[in-house]
Every structure is written in C-alpha cells, then in structure tokens.
Amino acid sequence: MQVVYWQHMKTAHWVVTLSMLLLGLIHSFMGFYCKVLNENALWFVGAGVAIIFAGLFNLLVCIQTNKTARIITMMVNTLMAALFVFATQVLHGPQVYIGITLFVLAAILTFLRKVPTDETAYKSYSLKDSNV
C-alpha cells in the first residue's frame, strides 16, 4: 500500500513539474508577442524564464533525489509561491492563482519526497546496467 502511495506522489510531482515548465514557456513566449519591446515586455519574459528555472529545479528532484537538491528546491518553490502571492496585489488573472497552486503543491511534494538511503535506490537511473 505504501509503495502505491509513493508512486502516486511521484506521478503528481511529475505532473506539477511539467505544468510549471509549460506555464513558464507560455509566459515567456507571450512576452514576444508584444507589439513594442519595452521594460514591461522584458519583465514578462524574465518572469517566464524564472518559472522555467524553478520547474527545472523540480525536474532535478524528480529525476534524482538527494538531500541537497530537495532543500534547495523547497526553498525555490517557497520563494516562487511567495512571489505569486505577492503578485495578487496587482494581478488578478487566473495564471497567478495557477502559479500559487503549482508552487505550493510542488513545495509540499518536494518536502514529502523520500531520500534514498543507499546506492541501490539509484540503480534504475544507472546506464551501466542497461542493455542500450
């Protein structure tokens, strides 16, 4: 039963991570559709890139879990969630609330993720044992 629970947690973290990356890509590409390249457009693109980088931190934790990566990713997720909450003072679109939801979920899932205690846990990621 516990194995099934952890598999669902891993799947949920993958879905949240891919959603973050998609949100960041959409956010960045929409900045290029502005008619005039000005300071606001650059901030828009920069925010999208920040979301992408935060998603990449989560991707790292999804692929290879270690204590340092978990701690840094929890800090990144918490900071991003706080920035999205701060943005609600000015922005009221659904993308802000989607961002809050994604980063709060990611912070919780990163916190709950197990850290392997031995090297056999990483065996599935080793290319030495594959028949490729």
C-alpha atoms as a PDB file:
ATOM      1  CA  MET A   1       0.000   0.000   0.000  1.00  0.00           C
ATOM      2  CA  GLN A   2       2.804   2.403   0.887  1.00  0.00           C
ATOM      3  CA  VAL A   3       4.562   1.754  -2.442  1.00  0.00           C
ATOM      4  CA  VAL A   4       1.400   2.701  -4.353  1.00  0.00           C
ATOM      5  CA  TYR A   5       1.136   5.896  -2.277  1.00  0.00           C
ATOM      6  CA  TRP A   6       4.708   6.909  -3.136  1.00  0.00           C
ATOM      7  CA  GLN A   7       4.160   6.123  -6.811  1.00  0.00           C
ATOM      8  CA  HIS A   8       1.165   8.466  -6.837  1.00  0.00           C
ATOM      9  CA  MET A   9       3.274  11.135  -5.115  1.00  0.00           C
ATOM     10  CA  LYS A  10       5.994  10.782  -7.759  1.00  0.00           C
ATOM     11  CA  THR A  11       3.436  10.944 -10.557  1.00  0.00           C
ATOM     12  CA  ALA A  12       1.840  14.030  -9.010  1.00  0.00           C
ATOM     13  CA  HIS A  13       5.242  15.711  -8.735  1.00  0.00           C
ATOM     14  CA  TRP A  14       5.972  14.956 -12.405  1.00  0.00           C
ATOM     15  CA  VAL A  15       2.604  16.427 -13.447  1.00  0.00           C
ATOM     16  CA  VAL A  16       3.170  19.564 -11.352  1.00  0.00           C
ATOM     17  CA  THR A  17       6.725  19.930 -12.688  1.00  0.00           C
ATOM     18  CA  LEU A  18       5.689  19.592 -16.323  1.00  0.00           C
ATOM     19  CA  SER A  19       2.839  22.061 -15.695  1.00  0.00           C
ATOM     20  CA  MET A  20       5.348  24.555 -14.288  1.00  0.00           C
ATOM     21  CA  LEU A  21       7.573  24.195 -17.320  1.00  0.00           C
ATOM     22  CA  LEU A  22       4.570  24.661 -19.613  1.00  0.00           C
ATOM     23  CA  LEU A  23       3.414  27.750 -17.674  1.00  0.00           C
ATOM     24  CA  GLY A  24       6.928  29.211 -17.922  1.00  0.00           C
ATOM     25  CA  LEU A  25       7.163  28.524 -21.652  1.00  0.00           C
ATOM     26  CA  ILE A  26       3.752  30.057 -22.344  1.00  0.00           C
ATOM     27  CA  HIS A  27       4.608  33.056 -20.157  1.00  0.00           C
ATOM     28  CA  SER A  28       7.921  33.617 -21.954  1.00  0.00           C
ATOM     29  CA  PHE A  29       6.555  33.180 -25.468  1.00  0.00           C
ATOM     30  CA  MET A  30       3.640  35.549 -24.797  1.00  0.00           C
ATOM     31  CA  GLY A  31       6.187  38.239 -23.979  1.00  0.00           C
ATOM     32  CA  PHE A  32       7.466  38.038 -27.548  1.00  0.00           C
ATOM     33  CA  TYR A  33       4.006  38.779 -28.940  1.00  0.00           C
ATOM     34  CA  CYS A  34       4.080  42.309 -27.549  1.00  0.00           C
ATOM     35  CA  LYS A  35       3.983  44.909 -30.316  1.00  0.00           C
ATOM     36  CA  VAL A  36       6.674  47.018 -28.665  1.00  0.00           C
ATOM     37  CA  LEU A  37       9.730  45.754 -26.849  1.00  0.00           C
ATOM     38  CA  ASN A  38       9.740  47.758 -23.668  1.00  0.00           C
ATOM     39  CA  GLU A  39      10.527  47.289 -19.990  1.00  0.00           C
ATOM     40  CA  ASN A  40       7.190  45.567 -19.271  1.00  0.00           C
ATOM     41  CA  ALA A  41       7.727  43.021 -22.046  1.00  0.00           C
ATOM     42  CA  LEU A  42      11.202  42.227 -20.740  1.00  0.00           C
ATOM     43  CA  TRP A  43       9.869  41.751 -17.209  1.00  0.00           C
ATOM     44  CA  PHE A  44       7.201  39.447 -18.613  1.00  0.00           C
ATOM     45  CA  VAL A  45       9.779  37.306 -20.449  1.00  0.00           C
ATOM     46  CA  GLY A  46      12.087  37.334 -17.419  1.00  0.00           C
ATOM     47  CA  ALA A  47       9.314  36.111 -15.139  1.00  0.00           C
ATOM     48  CA  GLY A  48       8.615  33.274 -17.573  1.00  0.00           C
ATOM     49  CA  VAL A  49      12.280  32.297 -17.559  1.00  0.00           C
ATOM     50  CA  ALA A  50      12.263  32.307 -13.732  1.00  0.00           C
ATOM     51  CA  ILE A  51       9.270  29.946 -13.771  1.00  0.00           C
ATOM     52  CA  ILE A  52      11.117  27.677 -16.219  1.00  0.00           C
ATOM     53  CA  PHE A  53      14.211  27.584 -13.994  1.00  0.00           C
ATOM     54  CA  ALA A  54      12.074  26.777 -10.952  1.00  0.00           C
ATOM     55  CA  GLY A  55      10.495  23.963 -12.965  1.00  0.00           C
ATOM     56  CA  LEU A  56      13.971  22.675 -13.840  1.00  0.00           C
ATOM     57  CA  PHE A  57      14.842  22.503 -10.136  1.00  0.00           C
ATOM     58  CA  ASN A  58      11.746  20.359  -9.642  1.00  0.00           C
ATOM     59  CA  LEU A  59      12.719  18.231 -12.632  1.00  0.00           C
ATOM     60  CA  LEU A  60      16.073  17.612 -10.961  1.00  0.00           C
ATOM     61  CA  VAL A  61      14.319  16.383  -7.815  1.00  0.00           C
ATOM     62  CA  CYS A  62      12.015  14.172  -9.894  1.00  0.00           C
ATOM     63  CA  ILE A  63      14.940  12.543 -11.673  1.00  0.00           C
ATOM     64  CA  GLN A  64      17.450  12.228  -8.859  1.00  0.00           C
ATOM     65  CA  THR A  65      16.530  12.802  -5.261  1.00  0.00           C
ATOM     66  CA  ASN A  66      19.204  13.823  -2.815  1.00  0.00           C
ATOM     67  CA  LYS A  67      19.010  15.905   0.320  1.00  0.00           C
ATOM     68  CA  THR A  68      20.740  18.998  -1.050  1.00  0.00           C
ATOM     69  CA  ALA A  69      18.577  19.141  -4.182  1.00  0.00           C
ATOM     70  CA  ARG A  70      15.439  18.706  -2.073  1.00  0.00           C
ATOM     71  CA  ILE A  71      16.354  21.537   0.301  1.00  0.00           C
ATOM     72  CA  ILE A  72      17.245  23.961  -2.496  1.00  0.00           C
ATOM     73  CA  THR A  73      14.121  23.046  -4.467  1.00  0.00           C
ATOM     74  CA  MET A  74      11.915  23.517  -1.402  1.00  0.00           C
ATOM     75  CA  MET A  75      13.413  26.995  -0.961  1.00  0.00           C
ATOM     76  CA  VAL A  76      12.881  27.821  -4.667  1.00  0.00           C
ATOM     77  CA  ASN A  77       9.267  26.573  -4.561  1.00  0.00           C
ATOM     78  CA  THR A  78       8.518  28.520  -1.383  1.00  0.00           C
ATOM     79  CA  LEU A  79      10.055  31.706  -2.821  1.00  0.00           C
ATOM     80  CA  MET A  80       8.132  31.338  -6.094  1.00  0.00           C
ATOM     81  CA  ALA A  81       4.864  30.714  -4.246  1.00  0.00           C
ATOM     82  CA  ALA A  82       5.515  33.822  -2.132  1.00  0.00           C
ATOM     83  CA  LEU A  83       6.204  35.888  -5.257  1.00  0.00           C
ATOM     84  CA  PHE A  84       2.965  34.699  -6.833  1.00  0.00           C
ATOM     85  CA  VAL A  85       1.066  35.576  -3.630  1.00  0.00           C
ATOM     86  CA  PHE A  86       2.731  38.995  -3.688  1.00  0.00           C
ATOM     87  CA  ALA A  87       1.666  39.424  -7.322  1.00  0.00           C
ATOM     88  CA  THR A  88      -2.011  39.030  -6.367  1.00  0.00           C
ATOM     89  CA  GLN A  89      -1.909  42.611  -5.077  1.00  0.00           C
ATOM     90  CA  VAL A  90      -1.556  43.841  -8.653  1.00  0.00           C
ATOM     91  CA  LEU A  91      -2.530  40.949 -10.905  1.00  0.00           C
ATOM     92  CA  HIS A  92      -5.837  39.137 -10.601  1.00  0.00           C
ATOM     93  CA  GLY A  93      -5.735  36.793 -13.583  1.00  0.00           C
ATOM     94  CA  PRO A  94      -6.106  33.033 -13.315  1.00  0.00           C
ATOM     95  CA  GLN A  95      -2.434  32.484 -14.167  1.00  0.00           C
ATOM     96  CA  VAL A  96      -1.432  33.951 -10.802  1.00  0.00           C
ATOM     97  CA  TYR A  97      -3.638  31.515  -8.899  1.00  0.00           C
ATOM     98  CA  ILE A  98      -2.423  28.636 -11.085  1.00  0.00           C
ATOM     99  CA  GLY A  99       1.145  29.626 -10.198  1.00  0.00           C
ATOM    100  CA  ILE A 100       0.346  29.736  -6.482  1.00  0.00           C
ATOM    101  CA  THR A 101      -1.281  26.307  -6.670  1.00  0.00           C
ATOM    102  CA  LEU A 102       1.570  24.751  -8.656  1.00  0.00           C
ATOM    103  CA  PHE A 103       4.346  26.057  -6.429  1.00  0.00           C
ATOM    104  CA  VAL A 104       2.575  25.291  -3.141  1.00  0.00           C
ATOM    105  CA  LEU A 105       1.893  21.742  -4.377  1.00  0.00           C
ATOM    106  CA  ALA A 106       5.494  21.415  -5.559  1.00  0.00           C
ATOM    107  CA  ALA A 107       6.824  22.578  -2.197  1.00  0.00           C
ATOM    108  CA  ILE A 108       4.668  20.026  -0.375  1.00  0.00           C
ATOM    109  CA  LEU A 109       5.556  17.209  -2.776  1.00  0.00           C
ATOM    110  CA  THR A 110       9.261  18.043  -2.569  1.00  0.00           C
ATOM    111  CA  PHE A 111       9.082  18.068   1.220  1.00  0.00           C
ATOM    112  CA  LEU A 112       7.319  14.684   1.315  1.00  0.00           C
ATOM    113  CA  ARG A 113       9.611  13.018  -1.219  1.00  0.00           C
ATOM    114  CA  LYS A 114      11.736  10.221   0.203  1.00  0.00           C
ATOM    115  CA  VAL A 115      15.515  10.442   0.099  1.00  0.00           C
ATOM    116  CA  PRO A 116      17.093   7.093  -0.800  1.00  0.00           C
ATOM    117  CA  THR A 117      19.261   5.723   1.972  1.00  0.00           C
ATOM    118  CA  ASP A 118      21.537   3.540  -0.143  1.00  0.00           C
ATOM    119  CA  GLU A 119      23.005   3.354  -3.628  1.00  0.00           C
ATOM    120  CA  THR A 120      20.595   0.621  -4.771  1.00  0.00           C
ATOM    121  CA  ALA A 121      17.853   3.232  -4.939  1.00  0.00           C
ATOM    122  CA  TYR A 122      19.701   4.905  -7.805  1.00  0.00           C
ATOM    123  CA  LYS A 123      20.178   1.676  -9.727  1.00  0.00           C
ATOM    124  CA  SER A 124      17.221   2.394 -12.017  1.00  0.00           C
ATOM    125  CA  TYR A 125      18.953   5.573 -13.198  1.00  0.00           C
ATOM    126  CA  SER A 126      22.281   3.897 -13.936  1.00  0.00           C
ATOM    127  CA  LEU A 127      23.208   3.393 -17.575  1.00  0.00           C
ATOM    128  CA  LYS A 128      25.773   0.715 -16.636  1.00  0.00           C
ATOM    129  CA  ASP A 129      23.079  -1.884 -16.007  1.00  0.00           C
ATOM    130  CA  SER A 130      21.007  -1.161 -19.102  1.00  0.00           C
ATOM    131  CA  ASN A 131      21.156  -3.102 -22.343  1.00  0.00           C
ATOM    132  CA  VAL A 132      21.387   0.018 -24.505  1.00  0.00           C
END
